[in-house]
Amino acid sequence: MKLGDKIRYLREVEGSLRGLGRALNQQELVKAIEAETGGKLSQSYLSQIESGARPHLTNTTRQTLAGFFKVHPGYLVDDPEGYHPELQSDVRGVEDKLDLWLVDGAERFRRDATLKHALLTVARQENSRDCLLLLESIVETPGLMPRLLEVLRPSAAPAEAMKEEVVVKNGRGETASRNGAVKSGTQKDRLRRERNG
């Protein structure tokens, strides 16, 4: 990948992370760099870099862009001929790929604001891989996901979980549901209701 392509890609990712639903344009990038890092970069210089007219960055510009985009300065060069990023095996490379995949997924599901927000939140975590592995553990642990939904996101909990009866009977042969309602009847009545569903 050429340096100009990398800068364009990073502008796209940054725009998504900022909730714009599009790439930051060059002028927005220049203003954001100045506001957030104090670095100076002109829009015309950025345009020359992206078009390939200026194939190399000064060290100051490389450091400024790397700091702003939170990438290693060594990323901001043309990749050598025959270079394939999928051959990377270091953990940070996996994290970076995973974060980009999550951001791409957020863009694909941008019409579902809740899902988009969730994907971007995971992508912003330093250890997004661990977040997904934790999610796997939660999903595979029987009964844990509905309980966590009830506690952490009550509005998202399935209606059936809210209606589930508590297996507690009082001395008068009544059962209480989770929403506090009390039902009268014998144990046989309760079993009949459960069977008939």
Foldseek 3Di string as FASTA:
>chain_A
DALLVVVQVLQQLVCLLVVNLGGQQLVSVQVCLCVPPVDHDDSVNNVCCNVVVPQDDDPSVLVSVCVVSVHDSVVNHGDDPPDDLVPDDDPVSVLVVQLVVLSVVLSVVVVPVVSSVVSSVLSPDPCSVVVVVVVVVQVPPPPRVLVCCCVPPVVPRDPVVQQQWDPDADPQQWTATNVGDIGHDHPVVVVVVVVVD
